[in-house]
């Protein structure tokens, strides 16, 4: 039996999931419309993190997908995205931020319960929705930059000279240069060459490392 939290700004969806979880002997420990309210409940109640949080992709409080998934994962829960399947880019963002998988709102309730059980057991949720989000988009599937490479790219692509990037990150200039070289090689290997700084900025925007307006992303 798993401890489940439901976060969706549509009450009817939450009520349906609560009833389904109860029939499946899953304990719903929290049901609410925002990640913030869930985290506040955690603090106020002193309860352990839910084993699985079933999270709507888009909430009405202005929060972002990355913010929500990252907050929940960092708090110790596994996250299953429960959403309509018409926003593959947002699904990819959620998976990139650490969500364990995705199940469509058009799926049968039994499929949602199967997803909860699978993730609660620490297993990968490789279903049709996950596959279509990842395999259908080369840019996501090929985003294999390390954390340091992403940091260097983010700063360099948005205008800082490489020497300044190195100083900002507290690394040697040669290290920053090597990181940019590796970034370029990786993009070439996946058929997305970035020979110039403008090209690197374009790739960084495509992969969500830099915001669409060319400003450093909060991610």
Protein backbone atom coordinates (compact mmCIF):
# COMPACT_ATOMS: atom_id res chain seq x y z
CA UNK A 1 0.00 0.00 0.00
CA UNK A 2 1.42 3.36 -1.04
CA UNK A 3 0.97 6.86 0.31
CA UNK A 4 -0.24 9.05 -2.55
CA UNK A 5 -0.63 12.82 -2.96
CA UNK A 6 -2.86 14.30 -5.66
CA UNK A 7 -2.09 17.77 -7.01
CA UNK A 8 -4.50 19.07 -9.64
CA UNK A 9 -6.42 22.32 -9.85
CA UNK A 10 -9.54 20.49 -11.04
CA UNK A 11 -11.39 19.17 -8.01
CA UNK A 12 -13.41 16.69 -10.05
CA UNK A 13 -10.20 15.04 -11.25
CA UNK A 14 -8.89 14.76 -7.69
CA UNK A 15 -12.16 13.29 -6.42
CA UNK A 16 -12.14 10.66 -9.15
CA UNK A 17 -8.55 9.70 -8.37
CA UNK A 18 -9.23 9.63 -4.63
CA UNK A 19 -12.09 7.17 -5.13
CA UNK A 20 -9.98 5.01 -7.43
CA UNK A 21 -7.07 4.97 -4.99
CA UNK A 22 -9.37 4.00 -2.13
CA UNK A 23 -10.70 1.02 -4.13
CA UNK A 24 -7.08 0.01 -4.83
CA UNK A 25 -6.07 0.25 -1.15
CA UNK A 26 -3.79 3.21 -1.85
CA UNK A 27 -3.81 5.85 0.89
CA UNK A 28 -4.34 9.41 -0.32
CA UNK A 29 -2.51 11.52 2.26
CA UNK A 30 -3.02 14.84 0.49
CA UNK A 31 -5.29 16.28 -2.17
CA UNK A 32 -4.90 19.88 -3.31
CA UNK A 33 -4.44 22.32 -6.14
CA UNK A 34 -0.82 23.47 -5.76
CA UNK A 35 2.61 22.12 -4.93
CA UNK A 36 3.05 24.93 -2.42
CA UNK A 37 -0.01 23.78 -0.46
CA UNK A 38 1.33 20.23 -0.43
CA UNK A 39 4.71 21.36 0.91
CA UNK A 40 2.99 23.54 3.52
CA UNK A 41 0.93 20.51 4.58
CA UNK A 42 4.13 18.51 4.89
CA UNK A 43 5.66 21.08 7.23
CA UNK A 44 2.51 21.65 9.29
CA UNK A 45 1.68 17.97 9.73
CA UNK A 46 5.20 16.66 10.07
CA UNK A 47 4.25 13.86 7.70
CA UNK A 48 6.78 12.02 5.58
CA UNK A 49 6.81 12.73 1.84
CA UNK A 50 4.22 10.88 -0.18
CA UNK A 51 5.57 7.83 -1.96
CA UNK A 52 4.05 9.08 -5.20
CA UNK A 53 2.70 12.49 -6.15
CA UNK A 54 0.27 12.47 -9.07
CA UNK A 55 0.79 15.92 -10.56
CA UNK A 56 -1.12 17.83 -13.20
CA UNK A 57 1.21 19.27 -15.80
CA UNK A 58 -0.21 22.78 -15.69
CA UNK A 59 -1.56 24.33 -12.51
CA UNK A 60 -3.43 27.59 -12.23
CA UNK A 61 -1.10 29.31 -9.77
CA UNK A 62 1.48 30.46 -12.31
CA UNK A 63 4.06 27.86 -11.32
CA UNK A 64 6.22 26.19 -13.95
CA UNK A 65 6.56 22.52 -14.72
CA UNK A 66 10.23 22.50 -13.76
CA UNK A 67 9.59 24.33 -10.47
CA UNK A 68 6.87 21.92 -9.44
CA UNK A 69 8.62 18.69 -10.36
CA UNK A 70 11.97 19.81 -8.94
CA UNK A 71 10.37 20.87 -5.63
CA UNK A 72 8.58 17.55 -5.23
CA UNK A 73 11.56 15.41 -6.19
CA UNK A 74 13.88 17.38 -3.90
CA UNK A 75 11.35 16.90 -1.11
CA UNK A 76 11.62 13.13 -1.49
CA UNK A 77 8.60 12.09 -3.56
CA UNK A 78 8.39 10.30 -6.87
CA UNK A 79 6.30 12.18 -9.41
CA UNK A 80 3.85 10.83 -11.97
CA UNK A 81 2.61 13.42 -14.43
CA UNK A 82 -1.14 13.09 -15.06
CA UNK A 83 -2.07 15.31 -17.96
CA UNK A 84 -3.58 15.62 -21.39
CA UNK A 85 -1.19 14.48 -24.09
CA UNK A 86 -1.22 17.61 -26.25
CA UNK A 87 1.83 19.33 -24.73
CA UNK A 88 4.81 17.07 -25.48
CA UNK A 89 7.32 19.86 -24.85
CA UNK A 90 5.99 20.38 -21.32
CA UNK A 91 5.98 16.61 -20.75
CA UNK A 92 9.62 16.47 -21.83
CA UNK A 93 10.38 19.33 -19.45
CA UNK A 94 8.78 17.42 -16.59
CA UNK A 95 10.74 14.27 -17.39
CA UNK A 96 13.94 16.29 -17.64
CA UNK A 97 13.24 17.80 -14.21
CA UNK A 98 12.99 14.34 -12.67
CA UNK A 99 9.42 13.07 -13.07
CA UNK A 100 9.28 9.28 -13.02
CA UNK A 101 6.80 9.07 -15.86
CA UNK A 102 3.61 10.32 -17.42
CA UNK A 103 0.12 8.91 -17.82
CA UNK A 104 -2.53 10.59 -19.92
CA UNK A 105 -5.77 11.90 -18.45
CA UNK A 106 -7.51 10.00 -21.24
CA UNK A 107 -6.18 6.73 -19.80
CA UNK A 108 -8.40 4.37 -17.85
CA UNK A 109 -8.23 4.74 -14.07
CA UNK A 110 -6.75 1.26 -13.86
CA UNK A 111 -3.82 2.50 -15.97
CA UNK A 112 -3.28 5.41 -13.59
CA UNK A 113 -3.31 3.03 -10.63
CA UNK A 114 -0.85 0.76 -12.43
CA UNK A 115 1.43 3.76 -12.94
CA UNK A 116 1.24 4.66 -9.24
CA UNK A 117 2.07 1.10 -8.19
CA UNK A 118 4.93 0.85 -10.68
CA UNK A 119 6.56 4.09 -9.58
CA UNK A 120 5.99 3.36 -5.88
CA UNK A 121 8.00 0.17 -6.35
CA UNK A 122 10.87 2.17 -7.78
CA UNK A 123 10.40 0.84 -11.29
CA UNK A 124 10.56 2.82 -14.53
CA UNK A 125 7.27 3.87 -16.08
CA UNK A 126 7.95 3.26 -19.77
CA UNK A 127 4.49 3.57 -21.26
CA UNK A 128 3.19 4.91 -24.56
CA UNK A 129 2.91 8.50 -23.32
CA UNK A 130 6.50 8.49 -22.07
CA UNK A 131 7.80 6.99 -25.29
CA UNK A 132 5.96 9.44 -27.52
CA UNK A 133 7.24 12.40 -25.50
CA UNK A 134 10.86 11.29 -25.62
CA UNK A 135 11.28 9.36 -28.85
CA UNK A 136 9.20 11.81 -30.83
CA UNK A 137 11.57 14.66 -30.12
CA UNK A 138 15.24 14.36 -30.99
CA UNK A 139 16.13 17.54 -29.11
CA UNK A 140 15.00 16.05 -25.79
CA UNK A 141 16.40 12.59 -26.44
CA UNK A 142 19.76 14.08 -27.33
CA UNK A 143 20.06 16.53 -24.43
CA UNK A 144 22.94 14.67 -22.82
CA UNK A 145 25.00 17.60 -21.55
CA UNK A 146 26.45 17.31 -18.07
CA UNK A 147 25.47 19.78 -15.37
CA UNK A 148 28.76 21.65 -15.72
CA UNK A 149 28.49 21.71 -19.52
CA UNK A 150 25.00 23.19 -19.24
CA UNK A 151 26.25 25.85 -16.80
CA UNK A 152 29.11 26.84 -19.09
CA UNK A 153 26.86 26.88 -22.14
CA UNK A 154 24.19 28.96 -20.40
CA UNK A 155 26.66 31.69 -19.44
CA UNK A 156 28.70 31.63 -22.62
CA UNK A 157 25.73 31.56 -25.01
CA UNK A 158 24.11 34.56 -23.34
CA UNK A 159 27.12 36.79 -23.91
CA UNK A 160 29.84 36.28 -21.34
CA UNK A 161 33.40 35.81 -22.67
CA UNK A 162 34.80 32.40 -21.88
CA UNK A 163 37.29 33.86 -19.41
CA UNK A 164 34.43 35.51 -17.51
CA UNK A 165 32.48 32.24 -17.56
CA UNK A 166 35.43 30.47 -15.97
CA UNK A 167 35.74 33.15 -13.29
CA UNK A 168 32.01 33.07 -12.57
CA UNK A 169 32.05 29.29 -12.09
CA UNK A 170 35.38 29.23 -10.26
CA UNK A 171 37.08 26.96 -12.78
CA UNK A 172 40.19 27.29 -14.92
CA UNK A 173 39.87 28.90 -18.33
CA UNK A 174 41.10 25.66 -19.89
CA UNK A 175 38.29 23.77 -18.14
CA UNK A 176 35.63 26.14 -19.45
CA UNK A 177 37.12 25.92 -22.95
CA UNK A 178 37.15 22.13 -22.77
CA UNK A 179 33.50 22.14 -21.72
CA UNK A 180 32.47 24.26 -24.69
CA UNK A 181 34.45 22.02 -27.00
CA UNK A 182 32.66 18.95 -25.62
CA UNK A 183 29.31 20.71 -25.99
CA UNK A 184 30.02 21.42 -29.66
CA UNK A 185 31.14 17.83 -30.24
CA UNK A 186 27.99 16.44 -28.62
CA UNK A 187 25.75 18.62 -30.76
CA UNK A 188 27.62 17.56 -33.90
CA UNK A 189 27.22 13.90 -32.93
CA UNK A 190 23.43 14.25 -32.77
CA UNK A 191 23.15 16.16 -36.02
CA UNK A 192 22.67 19.60 -34.49
CA UNK A 193 25.99 21.37 -35.15
CA UNK A 194 26.76 24.63 -33.36
CA UNK A 195 29.98 26.03 -34.86
CA UNK A 196 29.34 29.64 -33.83
CA UNK A 197 28.30 31.36 -30.62
CA UNK A 198 24.96 32.25 -32.23
CA UNK A 199 24.42 28.58 -33.01
CA UNK A 200 25.21 27.66 -29.42
CA UNK A 201 22.64 30.21 -28.23
CA UNK A 202 20.07 28.65 -30.56
CA UNK A 203 20.78 25.14 -29.26
CA UNK A 204 20.63 26.38 -25.67
CA UNK A 205 17.22 27.93 -26.32
CA UNK A 206 15.98 24.76 -28.03
CA UNK A 207 16.99 22.69 -25.01
CA UNK A 208 15.59 25.07 -22.39
CA UNK A 209 19.01 25.99 -21.02
CA UNK A 210 18.43 29.60 -22.05
CA UNK A 211 15.01 31.29 -22.17
CA UNK A 212 13.41 31.95 -25.54
CA UNK A 213 14.30 35.65 -25.30
CA UNK A 214 17.98 34.79 -24.96
CA UNK A 215 18.14 35.44 -21.21
CA UNK A 216 19.63 32.84 -18.84
CA UNK A 217 16.97 30.34 -17.85
CA UNK A 218 16.01 29.92 -14.19
CA UNK A 219 16.58 26.23 -14.74
